[in-house]
Amino acid sequence: MNAQPKSLLRSLLASCFLLCSSLALAEAPQQKSQVPGYYRMQLGQIEVTALYDGAIKLDTKLLKNTNEKEVQQLLARLFVKGPAVQTAVNAYLINTGSKLVLVDAGAAKLFGPTLGNIVSNLKAAGYAPEQVDAVLATHLHGDHINGLIDADGKAVFTNAEIWAAQADHDFWLSEEVAAKAAKEMQGFFKMARDAAAPYRAAGKWKTFASDQELLPGINSLAANGHTPGHSAYLIGGGEEKLLIWGDLVHNHAVQFARPQVAIEFDNDRKAAVATRKQIFAKAAKEKLLVGGMHLPFPGIGHVRKDGKGYSWVPVEFAPLP
């Protein structure tokens, strides 16, 4: 081989080496996105899918029956920084095998751009809004029912019946009650009326008293205090049960350790505290699996007695059988 081909070969080898080196050292671009917000688990023959609507910041000054020093100590204990802390908004999709039931519908975009992802995560989980047979509202606050309608005020869950406790219906949908309410509350009454409107017009708005079987394998449980008709739902039976308790807890770092702590949004703080203590005790004693709308996503886990208060034990990720 003469000198020129040898020189050319060396140049090619050097170029290949430099190219391979640059490829090996090339930085992968950051994706800057999260996985879809759903978590699936099996409850006996029932499939449960937690759906993430998003998160919102709540100021710890909204917590009552406590003081700032205690709150900050309890937050720091769980490596949470205040004064405004991230609070999730969750919903739960129950597939009984014969019915597809959604518990709560999220906030839509009426509480800001960080919420309103129930429908997109429902679709990511493999379902469509029109497949939902029933939506059970834990209560009629906007962050739980605004997602019933789209931006034009039309029904999102076109084939579903909507179930709400009679006491919440009578309170939040009453023009008379709304007229007597404080000015800063008027928007919450309007949200409830707007969300219910297309379903009421279609004859698909249903109410229940309390503590009754609404659908096979799904029972309502009175949990009043946060609102007049605030309700929990017991899913399944035997040892395979899940208690979806709505807004029993807004701040897990504080309210498990101090069940007596209420929040500004409680309609009846005394009743809300009594309900929380009662359900905490029941969940801990019976080792119930529970789900909460404002617990860190997926919001499913157990309640454990811990000294004078309780601890939250979240579920671990696991594949389906």
C-alpha atoms as a PDB file:
ATOM      1  CA  MET A   1       0.000   0.000   0.000  1.00  0.00           C
ATOM      2  CA  ASN A   2       1.478   3.370  -0.980  1.00  0.00           C
ATOM      3  CA  ALA A   3       1.661   6.417   1.273  1.00  0.00           C
ATOM      4  CA  GLN A   4      -1.463   8.176  -0.008  1.00  0.00           C
ATOM      5  CA  PRO A   5      -3.943   5.351   0.727  1.00  0.00           C
ATOM      6  CA  LYS A   6      -2.323   4.843   4.161  1.00  0.00           C
ATOM      7  CA  SER A   7      -2.768   8.533   4.928  1.00  0.00           C
ATOM      8  CA  LEU A   8      -6.378   8.411   3.776  1.00  0.00           C
ATOM      9  CA  LEU A   9      -7.058   5.345   5.926  1.00  0.00           C
ATOM     10  CA  ARG A  10      -5.584   7.032   8.996  1.00  0.00           C
ATOM     11  CA  SER A  11      -7.754  10.093   8.369  1.00  0.00           C
ATOM     12  CA  LEU A  12     -10.881   7.964   8.048  1.00  0.00           C
ATOM     13  CA  LEU A  13     -10.067   6.046  11.234  1.00  0.00           C
ATOM     14  CA  ALA A  14      -9.435   9.285  13.108  1.00  0.00           C
ATOM     15  CA  SER A  15     -12.727  10.743  11.859  1.00  0.00           C
ATOM     16  CA  CYS A  16     -14.626   7.615  12.925  1.00  0.00           C
ATOM     17  CA  PHE A  17     -13.001   7.746  16.345  1.00  0.00           C
ATOM     18  CA  LEU A  18     -13.933  11.388  16.805  1.00  0.00           C
ATOM     19  CA  LEU A  19     -17.493  10.746  15.607  1.00  0.00           C
ATOM     20  CA  CYS A  20     -17.954   7.768  17.925  1.00  0.00           C
ATOM     21  CA  SER A  21     -16.489   9.735  20.817  1.00  0.00           C
ATOM     22  CA  SER A  22     -18.843  12.649  20.215  1.00  0.00           C
ATOM     23  CA  LEU A  23     -21.845  10.297  19.992  1.00  0.00           C
ATOM     24  CA  ALA A  24     -20.875   8.579  23.227  1.00  0.00           C
ATOM     25  CA  LEU A  25     -20.573  11.921  24.992  1.00  0.00           C
ATOM     26  CA  ALA A  26     -23.721  13.443  23.461  1.00  0.00           C
ATOM     27  CA  GLU A  27     -26.237  14.594  26.119  1.00  0.00           C
ATOM     28  CA  ALA A  28     -29.780  13.201  25.944  1.00  0.00           C
ATOM     29  CA  PRO A  29     -32.307  16.050  26.068  1.00  0.00           C
ATOM     30  CA  GLN A  30     -34.436  16.250  29.201  1.00  0.00           C
ATOM     31  CA  GLN A  31     -38.034  15.203  28.574  1.00  0.00           C
ATOM     32  CA  LYS A  32     -39.621  17.651  31.060  1.00  0.00           C
ATOM     33  CA  SER A  33     -42.869  15.697  31.247  1.00  0.00           C
ATOM     34  CA  GLN A  34     -44.483  13.282  33.694  1.00  0.00           C
ATOM     35  CA  VAL A  35     -46.177   9.937  33.098  1.00  0.00           C
ATOM     36  CA  PRO A  36     -49.993   9.993  32.756  1.00  0.00           C
ATOM     37  CA  GLY A  37     -51.695  10.435  36.106  1.00  0.00           C
ATOM     38  CA  TYR A  38     -53.406   7.145  36.781  1.00  0.00           C
ATOM     39  CA  TYR A  39     -52.744   4.244  39.120  1.00  0.00           C
ATOM     40  CA  ARG A  40     -54.499   0.886  38.823  1.00  0.00           C
ATOM     41  CA  MET A  41     -55.158  -1.763  41.431  1.00  0.00           C
ATOM     42  CA  GLN A  42     -57.387  -4.782  41.830  1.00  0.00           C
ATOM     43  CA  LEU A  43     -59.879  -5.076  44.684  1.00  0.00           C
ATOM     44  CA  GLY A  44     -61.106  -8.656  44.445  1.00  0.00           C
ATOM     45  CA  GLN A  45     -63.118  -8.701  41.211  1.00  0.00           C
ATOM     46  CA  ILE A  46     -63.316  -4.894  41.109  1.00  0.00           C
ATOM     47  CA  GLU A  47     -60.798  -2.769  39.236  1.00  0.00           C
ATOM     48  CA  VAL A  48     -59.939   0.568  40.856  1.00  0.00           C
ATOM     49  CA  THR A  49     -58.139   3.300  38.916  1.00  0.00           C
ATOM     50  CA  ALA A  50     -56.966   6.413  40.742  1.00  0.00           C
ATOM     51  CA  LEU A  51     -57.056   9.465  38.471  1.00  0.00           C
ATOM     52  CA  TYR A  52     -54.963  12.580  39.057  1.00  0.00           C
ATOM     53  CA  ASP A  53     -56.687  15.872  38.365  1.00  0.00           C
ATOM     54  CA  GLY A  54     -53.635  17.907  39.348  1.00  0.00           C
ATOM     55  CA  ALA A  55     -52.416  19.828  42.373  1.00  0.00           C
ATOM     56  CA  ILE A  56     -52.987  23.199  43.959  1.00  0.00           C
ATOM     57  CA  LYS A  57     -51.153  25.143  46.652  1.00  0.00           C
ATOM     58  CA  LEU A  58     -53.048  25.630  49.927  1.00  0.00           C
ATOM     59  CA  ASP A  59     -51.815  28.063  52.566  1.00  0.00           C
ATOM     60  CA  THR A  60     -51.370  26.432  55.972  1.00  0.00           C
ATOM     61  CA  LYS A  61     -53.107  29.470  57.500  1.00  0.00           C
ATOM     62  CA  LEU A  62     -56.321  27.787  56.349  1.00  0.00           C
ATOM     63  CA  LEU A  63     -55.798  25.124  59.037  1.00  0.00           C
ATOM     64  CA  LYS A  64     -57.726  25.774  62.248  1.00  0.00           C
ATOM     65  CA  ASN A  65     -57.569  24.479  65.851  1.00  0.00           C
ATOM     66  CA  THR A  66     -53.766  24.637  65.777  1.00  0.00           C
ATOM     67  CA  ASN A  67     -50.961  27.187  65.665  1.00  0.00           C
ATOM     68  CA  GLU A  68     -48.248  28.103  63.180  1.00  0.00           C
ATOM     69  CA  LYS A  69     -45.403  26.595  65.224  1.00  0.00           C
ATOM     70  CA  GLU A  70     -47.118  23.211  65.509  1.00  0.00           C
ATOM     71  CA  VAL A  71     -48.021  23.212  61.821  1.00  0.00           C
ATOM     72  CA  GLN A  72     -44.457  23.965  60.715  1.00  0.00           C
ATOM     73  CA  GLN A  73     -43.068  21.262  63.015  1.00  0.00           C
ATOM     74  CA  LEU A  74     -45.443  18.674  61.594  1.00  0.00           C
ATOM     75  CA  LEU A  75     -44.679  19.729  58.013  1.00  0.00           C
ATOM     76  CA  ALA A  76     -40.919  19.562  58.610  1.00  0.00           C
ATOM     77  CA  ARG A  77     -41.331  16.094  60.116  1.00  0.00           C
ATOM     78  CA  LEU A  78     -42.440  14.862  56.661  1.00  0.00           C
ATOM     79  CA  PHE A  79     -39.973  17.087  54.764  1.00  0.00           C
ATOM     80  CA  VAL A  80     -42.756  19.390  53.592  1.00  0.00           C
ATOM     81  CA  LYS A  81     -42.140  23.123  53.381  1.00  0.00           C
ATOM     82  CA  GLY A  82     -44.806  25.745  54.055  1.00  0.00           C
ATOM     83  CA  PRO A  83     -46.541  28.085  54.220  1.00  0.00           C
ATOM     84  CA  ALA A  84     -48.242  27.057  50.948  1.00  0.00           C
ATOM     85  CA  VAL A  85     -48.131  23.293  50.417  1.00  0.00           C
ATOM     86  CA  GLN A  86     -49.000  21.153  47.427  1.00  0.00           C
ATOM     87  CA  THR A  87     -52.393  19.512  47.714  1.00  0.00           C
ATOM     88  CA  ALA A  88     -53.463  16.868  45.211  1.00  0.00           C
ATOM     89  CA  VAL A  89     -56.923  16.548  43.704  1.00  0.00           C
ATOM     90  CA  ASN A  90     -57.825  12.919  42.961  1.00  0.00           C
ATOM     91  CA  ALA A  91     -60.782  10.959  41.642  1.00  0.00           C
ATOM     92  CA  TYR A  92     -61.411   7.216  41.490  1.00  0.00           C
ATOM     93  CA  LEU A  93     -62.779   5.100  38.653  1.00  0.00           C
ATOM     94  CA  ILE A  94     -64.477   1.885  39.757  1.00  0.00           C
ATOM     95  CA  ASN A  95     -65.048  -0.915  37.222  1.00  0.00           C
ATOM     96  CA  THR A  96     -67.305  -3.491  38.870  1.00  0.00           C
ATOM     97  CA  GLY A  97     -67.424  -5.642  35.742  1.00  0.00           C
ATOM     98  CA  SER A  98     -70.960  -4.495  34.945  1.00  0.00           C
ATOM     99  CA  LYS A  99     -70.757  -0.770  35.769  1.00  0.00           C
ATOM    100  CA  LEU A 100     -68.141   1.933  35.307  1.00  0.00           C
ATOM    101  CA  VAL A 101     -68.431   4.381  38.179  1.00  0.00           C
ATOM    102  CA  LEU A 102     -66.457   7.570  38.730  1.00  0.00           C
ATOM    103  CA  VAL A 103     -66.171   8.988  42.256  1.00  0.00           C
ATOM    104  CA  ASP A 104     -65.807  12.767  41.839  1.00  0.00           C
ATOM    105  CA  ALA A 105     -64.946  14.531  38.588  1.00  0.00           C
ATOM    106  CA  GLY A 106     -62.212  16.995  39.495  1.00  0.00           C
ATOM    107  CA  ALA A 107     -61.975  20.761  39.220  1.00  0.00           C
ATOM    108  CA  ALA A 108     -61.821  21.365  35.449  1.00  0.00           C
ATOM    109  CA  LYS A 109     -59.871  24.611  34.930  1.00  0.00           C
ATOM    110  CA  LEU A 110     -61.909  26.828  37.260  1.00  0.00           C
ATOM    111  CA  PHE A 111     -59.254  26.669  39.998  1.00  0.00           C
ATOM    112  CA  GLY A 112     -56.323  27.363  37.707  1.00  0.00           C
ATOM    113  CA  PRO A 113     -54.182  25.653  35.044  1.00  0.00           C
ATOM    114  CA  THR A 114     -52.607  23.091  37.404  1.00  0.00           C
ATOM    115  CA  LEU A 115     -55.912  21.216  37.680  1.00  0.00           C
ATOM    116  CA  GLY A 116     -58.440  19.831  35.216  1.00  0.00           C
ATOM    117  CA  ASN A 117     -56.777  16.615  34.036  1.00  0.00           C
ATOM    118  CA  ILE A 118     -59.375  13.996  34.947  1.00  0.00           C
ATOM    119  CA  VAL A 119     -60.636  13.428  31.403  1.00  0.00           C
ATOM    120  CA  SER A 120     -57.169  13.246  29.833  1.00  0.00           C
ATOM    121  CA  ASN A 121     -56.002  10.780  32.493  1.00  0.00           C
ATOM    122  CA  LEU A 122     -59.242   8.800  32.174  1.00  0.00           C
ATOM    123  CA  LYS A 123     -58.468   8.404  28.467  1.00  0.00           C
ATOM    124  CA  ALA A 124     -54.827   7.553  29.182  1.00  0.00           C
ATOM    125  CA  ALA A 125     -56.110   4.809  31.498  1.00  0.00           C
ATOM    126  CA  GLY A 126     -57.998   3.254  28.590  1.00  0.00           C
ATOM    127  CA  TYR A 127     -61.525   4.602  29.097  1.00  0.00           C
ATOM    128  CA  ALA A 128     -63.738   7.247  27.498  1.00  0.00           C
ATOM    129  CA  PRO A 129     -66.076   9.668  29.313  1.00  0.00           C
ATOM    130  CA  GLU A 130     -69.110   8.286  27.490  1.00  0.00           C
ATOM    131  CA  GLN A 131     -68.431   4.833  28.995  1.00  0.00           C
ATOM    132  CA  VAL A 132     -69.038   6.083  32.534  1.00  0.00           C
ATOM    133  CA  ASP A 133     -72.392   4.846  33.870  1.00  0.00           C
ATOM    134  CA  ALA A 134     -72.495   6.879  37.077  1.00  0.00           C
ATOM    135  CA  VAL A 135     -70.605   9.653  38.846  1.00  0.00           C
ATOM    136  CA  LEU A 136     -70.814   9.685  42.640  1.00  0.00           C
ATOM    137  CA  ALA A 137     -70.032  13.062  44.198  1.00  0.00           C
ATOM    138  CA  THR A 138     -68.464  13.000  47.640  1.00  0.00           C
ATOM    139  CA  HIS A 139     -69.802  16.558  47.957  1.00  0.00           C
ATOM    140  CA  LEU A 140     -70.622  19.533  45.770  1.00  0.00           C
ATOM    141  CA  HIS A 141     -67.522  21.706  46.120  1.00  0.00           C
ATOM    142  CA  GLY A 142     -66.213  22.900  42.763  1.00  0.00           C
ATOM    143  CA  ASP A 143     -62.929  20.997  42.882  1.00  0.00           C
ATOM    144  CA  HIS A 144     -64.977  17.779  42.922  1.00  0.00           C
ATOM    145  CA  ILE A 145     -67.740  18.514  40.403  1.00  0.00           C
ATOM    146  CA  ASN A 146     -66.575  21.239  37.998  1.00  0.00           C
ATOM    147  CA  GLY A 147     -65.259  18.442  35.786  1.00  0.00           C
ATOM    148  CA  LEU A 148     -68.817  17.280  35.147  1.00  0.00           C
ATOM    149  CA  ILE A 149     -69.146  19.936  32.448  1.00  0.00           C
ATOM    150  CA  ASP A 150     -66.948  21.311  29.682  1.00  0.00           C
ATOM    151  CA  ALA A 151     -66.030  24.944  29.012  1.00  0.00           C
ATOM    152  CA  ASP A 152     -69.372  25.445  27.243  1.00  0.00           C
ATOM    153  CA  GLY A 153     -71.384  24.107  30.172  1.00  0.00           C
ATOM    154  CA  LYS A 154     -72.280  20.846  28.439  1.00  0.00           C
ATOM    155  CA  ALA A 155     -72.239  17.430  30.092  1.00  0.00           C
ATOM    156  CA  VAL A 156     -68.899  15.602  29.848  1.00  0.00           C
ATOM    157  CA  PHE A 157     -70.243  12.235  30.981  1.00  0.00           C
ATOM    158  CA  THR A 158     -73.110  12.063  28.526  1.00  0.00           C
ATOM    159  CA  ASN A 159     -74.373   8.606  29.482  1.00  0.00           C
ATOM    160  CA  ALA A 160     -73.938   8.867  33.244  1.00  0.00           C
ATOM    161  CA  GLU A 161     -76.298   9.445  36.121  1.00  0.00           C
ATOM    162  CA  ILE A 162     -74.902  11.810  38.754  1.00  0.00           C
ATOM    163  CA  TRP A 163     -75.494  10.947  42.404  1.00  0.00           C
ATOM    164  CA  ALA A 164     -75.249  13.460  45.261  1.00  0.00           C
ATOM    165  CA  ALA A 165     -76.338  13.327  48.888  1.00  0.00           C
ATOM    166  CA  GLN A 166     -79.728  14.940  49.463  1.00  0.00           C
ATOM    167  CA  ALA A 167     -78.324  17.236  52.155  1.00  0.00           C
ATOM    168  CA  ASP A 168     -75.662  18.621  49.809  1.00  0.00           C
ATOM    169  CA  HIS A 169     -78.222  18.965  47.016  1.00  0.00           C
ATOM    170  CA  ASP A 170     -80.558  20.908  49.284  1.00  0.00           C
ATOM    171  CA  PHE A 171     -77.748  23.212  50.417  1.00  0.00           C
ATOM    172  CA  TRP A 172     -75.605  23.929  47.353  1.00  0.00           C
ATOM    173  CA  LEU A 173     -78.364  23.991  44.728  1.00  0.00           C
ATOM    174  CA  SER A 174     -80.738  26.138  46.762  1.00  0.00           C
ATOM    175  CA  GLU A 175     -81.180  29.700  45.495  1.00  0.00           C
ATOM    176  CA  GLU A 176     -82.552  30.630  48.911  1.00  0.00           C
ATOM    177  CA  VAL A 177     -79.528  29.287  50.814  1.00  0.00           C
ATOM    178  CA  ALA A 178     -77.165  30.911  48.335  1.00  0.00           C
ATOM    179  CA  ALA A 179     -78.853  34.292  48.737  1.00  0.00           C
ATOM    180  CA  LYS A 180     -78.184  34.201  52.485  1.00  0.00           C
ATOM    181  CA  ALA A 181     -74.570  33.080  52.150  1.00  0.00           C
ATOM    182  CA  ALA A 182     -71.542  35.365  52.451  1.00  0.00           C
ATOM    183  CA  LYS A 183     -70.495  37.194  49.294  1.00  0.00           C
ATOM    184  CA  GLU A 184     -67.215  35.254  49.032  1.00  0.00           C
ATOM    185  CA  MET A 185     -69.215  32.000  48.963  1.00  0.00           C
ATOM    186  CA  GLN A 186     -71.473  32.950  46.059  1.00  0.00           C
ATOM    187  CA  GLY A 187     -69.066  31.567  43.472  1.00  0.00           C
ATOM    188  CA  PHE A 188     -69.136  28.109  45.065  1.00  0.00           C
ATOM    189  CA  PHE A 189     -72.928  27.985  44.875  1.00  0.00           C
ATOM    190  CA  LYS A 190     -72.829  29.030  41.230  1.00  0.00           C
ATOM    191  CA  MET A 191     -70.250  26.332  40.421  1.00  0.00           C
ATOM    192  CA  ALA A 192     -72.544  23.691  41.927  1.00  0.00           C
ATOM    193  CA  ARG A 193     -75.588  24.924  40.027  1.00  0.00           C
ATOM    194  CA  ASP A 194     -73.673  25.141  36.737  1.00  0.00           C
ATOM    195  CA  ALA A 195     -72.186  21.637  37.106  1.00  0.00           C
ATOM    196  CA  ALA A 196     -75.572  20.108  37.912  1.00  0.00           C
ATOM    197  CA  ALA A 197     -77.582  22.008  35.269  1.00  0.00           C
ATOM    198  CA  PRO A 198     -77.237  19.792  32.152  1.00  0.00           C
ATOM    199  CA  TYR A 199     -77.765  16.613  34.141  1.00  0.00           C
ATOM    200  CA  ARG A 200     -80.814  17.998  35.931  1.00  0.00           C
ATOM    201  CA  ALA A 201     -82.236  19.085  32.585  1.00  0.00           C
ATOM    202  CA  ALA A 202     -81.705  15.570  31.213  1.00  0.00           C
ATOM    203  CA  GLY A 203     -83.248  13.893  34.269  1.00  0.00           C
ATOM    204  CA  LYS A 204     -79.899  12.311  35.187  1.00  0.00           C
ATOM    205  CA  TRP A 205     -79.324  14.085  38.502  1.00  0.00           C
ATOM    206  CA  LYS A 206     -80.077  11.694  41.394  1.00  0.00           C
ATOM    207  CA  THR A 207     -79.981  12.089  45.172  1.00  0.00           C
ATOM    208  CA  PHE A 208     -79.716   9.689  48.097  1.00  0.00           C
ATOM    209  CA  ALA A 209     -80.318   9.960  51.836  1.00  0.00           C
ATOM    210  CA  SER A 210     -77.265   8.317  53.416  1.00  0.00           C
ATOM    211  CA  ASP A 211     -75.792   4.943  54.306  1.00  0.00           C
ATOM    212  CA  GLN A 212     -77.343   2.965  51.495  1.00  0.00           C
ATOM    213  CA  GLU A 213     -76.306   0.724  48.615  1.00  0.00           C
ATOM    214  CA  LEU A 214     -76.291   2.862  45.484  1.00  0.00           C
ATOM    215  CA  LEU A 215     -74.974   0.236  43.094  1.00  0.00           C
ATOM    216  CA  PRO A 216     -73.958  -3.410  43.590  1.00  0.00           C
ATOM    217  CA  GLY A 217     -70.793  -3.382  45.684  1.00  0.00           C
ATOM    218  CA  ILE A 218     -70.929   0.388  46.342  1.00  0.00           C
ATOM    219  CA  ASN A 219     -72.419   1.829  49.527  1.00  0.00           C
ATOM    220  CA  SER A 220     -72.625   5.433  50.686  1.00  0.00           C
ATOM    221  CA  LEU A 221     -71.491   6.357  54.184  1.00  0.00           C
ATOM    222  CA  ALA A 222     -72.440   9.645  55.851  1.00  0.00           C
ATOM    223  CA  ALA A 223     -69.335  11.737  56.604  1.00  0.00           C
ATOM    224  CA  ASN A 224     -70.915  15.135  57.170  1.00  0.00           C
ATOM    225  CA  GLY A 225     -69.175  18.193  58.531  1.00  0.00           C
ATOM    226  CA  HIS A 226     -67.006  19.339  55.660  1.00  0.00           C
ATOM    227  CA  THR A 227     -70.322  19.972  53.886  1.00  0.00           C
ATOM    228  CA  PRO A 228     -73.869  19.129  55.057  1.00  0.00           C
ATOM    229  CA  GLY A 229     -74.011  15.999  52.900  1.00  0.00           C
ATOM    230  CA  HIS A 230     -70.338  15.105  52.615  1.00  0.00           C
ATOM    231  CA  SER A 231     -70.217  11.370  51.863  1.00  0.00           C
ATOM    232  CA  ALA A 232     -67.741   8.530  51.764  1.00  0.00           C
ATOM    233  CA  TYR A 233     -68.182   5.432  49.599  1.00  0.00           C
ATOM    234  CA  LEU A 234     -67.380   1.875  50.621  1.00  0.00           C
ATOM    235  CA  ILE A 235     -66.339  -0.192  47.622  1.00  0.00           C
ATOM    236  CA  GLY A 236     -66.298  -4.022  47.612  1.00  0.00           C
ATOM    237  CA  GLY A 237     -66.989  -6.425  50.433  1.00  0.00           C
ATOM    238  CA  GLY A 238     -65.499  -8.945  52.822  1.00  0.00           C
ATOM    239  CA  GLU A 239     -61.778  -8.379  53.257  1.00  0.00           C
ATOM    240  CA  GLU A 240     -61.492  -6.654  49.856  1.00  0.00           C
ATOM    241  CA  LYS A 241     -62.808  -3.180  50.678  1.00  0.00           C
ATOM    242  CA  LEU A 242     -61.823   0.387  49.856  1.00  0.00           C
ATOM    243  CA  LEU A 243     -63.275   3.381  51.680  1.00  0.00           C
ATOM    244  CA  ILE A 244     -63.132   6.511  49.505  1.00  0.00           C
ATOM    245  CA  TRP A 245     -63.517   9.279  52.061  1.00  0.00           C
ATOM    246  CA  GLY A 246     -63.537  12.469  49.998  1.00  0.00           C
ATOM    247  CA  ASP A 247     -62.247  15.506  51.885  1.00  0.00           C
ATOM    248  CA  LEU A 248     -61.689  13.951  55.288  1.00  0.00           C
ATOM    249  CA  VAL A 249     -58.050  15.124  55.054  1.00  0.00           C
ATOM    250  CA  HIS A 250     -56.648  18.181  53.266  1.00  0.00           C
ATOM    251  CA  ASN A 251     -53.141  18.141  54.733  1.00  0.00           C
ATOM    252  CA  HIS A 252     -51.733  14.685  55.462  1.00  0.00           C
ATOM    253  CA  ALA A 253     -48.675  15.976  57.342  1.00  0.00           C
ATOM    254  CA  VAL A 254     -50.832  17.762  59.909  1.00  0.00           C
ATOM    255  CA  GLN A 255     -54.259  16.152  60.122  1.00  0.00           C
ATOM    256  CA  PHE A 256     -53.218  12.538  60.640  1.00  0.00           C
ATOM    257  CA  ALA A 257     -51.041  13.486  63.580  1.00  0.00           C
ATOM    258  CA  ARG A 258     -53.626  16.015  64.807  1.00  0.00           C
ATOM    259  CA  PRO A 259     -57.138  14.867  63.807  1.00  0.00           C
ATOM    260  CA  GLN A 260     -58.601  17.820  65.694  1.00  0.00           C
ATOM    261  CA  VAL A 261     -57.246  20.232  63.073  1.00  0.00           C
ATOM    262  CA  ALA A 262     -59.998  21.593  60.837  1.00  0.00           C
ATOM    263  CA  ILE A 263     -59.771  23.668  57.661  1.00  0.00           C
ATOM    264  CA  GLU A 264     -61.331  26.951  56.631  1.00  0.00           C
ATOM    265  CA  PHE A 265     -63.520  25.206  54.041  1.00  0.00           C
ATOM    266  CA  ASP A 266     -65.350  23.048  56.606  1.00  0.00           C
ATOM    267  CA  ASN A 267     -69.008  23.995  56.748  1.00  0.00           C
ATOM    268  CA  ASP A 268     -69.262  22.691  60.345  1.00  0.00           C
ATOM    269  CA  ARG A 269     -65.792  22.384  61.875  1.00  0.00           C
ATOM    270  CA  LYS A 270     -66.930  20.606  65.018  1.00  0.00           C
ATOM    271  CA  ALA A 271     -68.805  17.961  63.016  1.00  0.00           C
ATOM    272  CA  ALA A 272     -65.922  17.626  60.523  1.00  0.00           C
ATOM    273  CA  VAL A 273     -63.447  16.926  63.342  1.00  0.00           C
ATOM    274  CA  ALA A 274     -65.793  14.390  64.958  1.00  0.00           C
ATOM    275  CA  THR A 275     -66.272  12.613  61.614  1.00  0.00           C
ATOM    276  CA  ARG A 276     -62.521  12.497  60.953  1.00  0.00           C
ATOM    277  CA  LYS A 277     -61.805  10.998  64.380  1.00  0.00           C
ATOM    278  CA  GLN A 278     -64.563   8.419  63.956  1.00  0.00           C
ATOM    279  CA  ILE A 279     -63.457   7.316  60.481  1.00  0.00           C
ATOM    280  CA  PHE A 280     -59.755   7.305  61.406  1.00  0.00           C
ATOM    281  CA  ALA A 281     -60.538   4.990  64.318  1.00  0.00           C
ATOM    282  CA  LYS A 282     -62.661   2.713  62.129  1.00  0.00           C
ATOM    283  CA  ALA A 283     -60.060   2.577  59.335  1.00  0.00           C
ATOM    284  CA  ALA A 284     -57.216   1.792  61.751  1.00  0.00           C
ATOM    285  CA  LYS A 285     -59.149  -0.836  63.720  1.00  0.00           C
ATOM    286  CA  GLU A 286     -60.518  -2.622  60.646  1.00  0.00           C
ATOM    287  CA  LYS A 287     -57.297  -2.155  58.623  1.00  0.00           C
ATOM    288  CA  LEU A 288     -59.384  -0.631  55.854  1.00  0.00           C
ATOM    289  CA  LEU A 289     -57.807   0.403  52.593  1.00  0.00           C
ATOM    290  CA  VAL A 290     -58.785   4.050  52.112  1.00  0.00           C
ATOM    291  CA  GLY A 291     -58.663   6.616  49.321  1.00  0.00           C
ATOM    292  CA  GLY A 292     -58.673  10.388  49.740  1.00  0.00           C
ATOM    293  CA  MET A 293     -59.222  13.172  47.246  1.00  0.00           C
ATOM    294  CA  HIS A 294     -56.532  15.406  48.760  1.00  0.00           C
ATOM    295  CA  LEU A 295     -53.962  12.815  49.785  1.00  0.00           C
ATOM    296  CA  PRO A 296     -50.702  12.576  47.787  1.00  0.00           C
ATOM    297  CA  PHE A 297     -51.500  10.739  44.543  1.00  0.00           C
ATOM    298  CA  PRO A 298     -52.691   8.028  44.176  1.00  0.00           C
ATOM    299  CA  GLY A 299     -54.154   8.781  47.592  1.00  0.00           C
ATOM    300  CA  ILE A 300     -54.636   5.125  48.530  1.00  0.00           C
ATOM    301  CA  GLY A 301     -53.270   3.512  51.661  1.00  0.00           C
ATOM    302  CA  HIS A 302     -53.919   2.641  55.299  1.00  0.00           C
ATOM    303  CA  VAL A 303     -54.372   4.551  58.526  1.00  0.00           C
ATOM    304  CA  ARG A 304     -52.234   3.433  61.462  1.00  0.00           C
ATOM    305  CA  LYS A 305     -52.717   4.456  65.093  1.00  0.00           C
ATOM    306  CA  ASP A 306     -49.651   6.390  66.183  1.00  0.00           C
ATOM    307  CA  GLY A 307     -49.529   7.717  69.750  1.00  0.00           C
ATOM    308  CA  LYS A 308     -52.356  10.194  70.302  1.00  0.00           C
ATOM    309  CA  GLY A 309     -52.838  10.558  66.574  1.00  0.00           C
ATOM    310  CA  TYR A 310     -52.440   8.521  63.403  1.00  0.00           C
ATOM    311  CA  SER A 311     -49.990   7.915  60.557  1.00  0.00           C
ATOM    312  CA  TRP A 312     -50.589   7.586  56.832  1.00  0.00           C
ATOM    313  CA  VAL A 313     -49.185   4.459  55.149  1.00  0.00           C
ATOM    314  CA  PRO A 314     -49.441   4.797  51.342  1.00  0.00           C
ATOM    315  CA  VAL A 315     -49.745   1.830  49.009  1.00  0.00           C
ATOM    316  CA  GLU A 316     -46.674   0.603  47.165  1.00  0.00           C
ATOM    317  CA  PHE A 317     -46.550   0.402  43.416  1.00  0.00           C
ATOM    318  CA  ALA A 318     -47.194  -3.139  42.207  1.00  0.00           C
ATOM    319  CA  PRO A 319     -48.043  -4.798  38.888  1.00  0.00           C
ATOM    320  CA  LEU A 320     -51.512  -6.191  38.437  1.00  0.00           C
ATOM    321  CA  PRO A 321     -51.809  -9.978  38.739  1.00  0.00           C
END
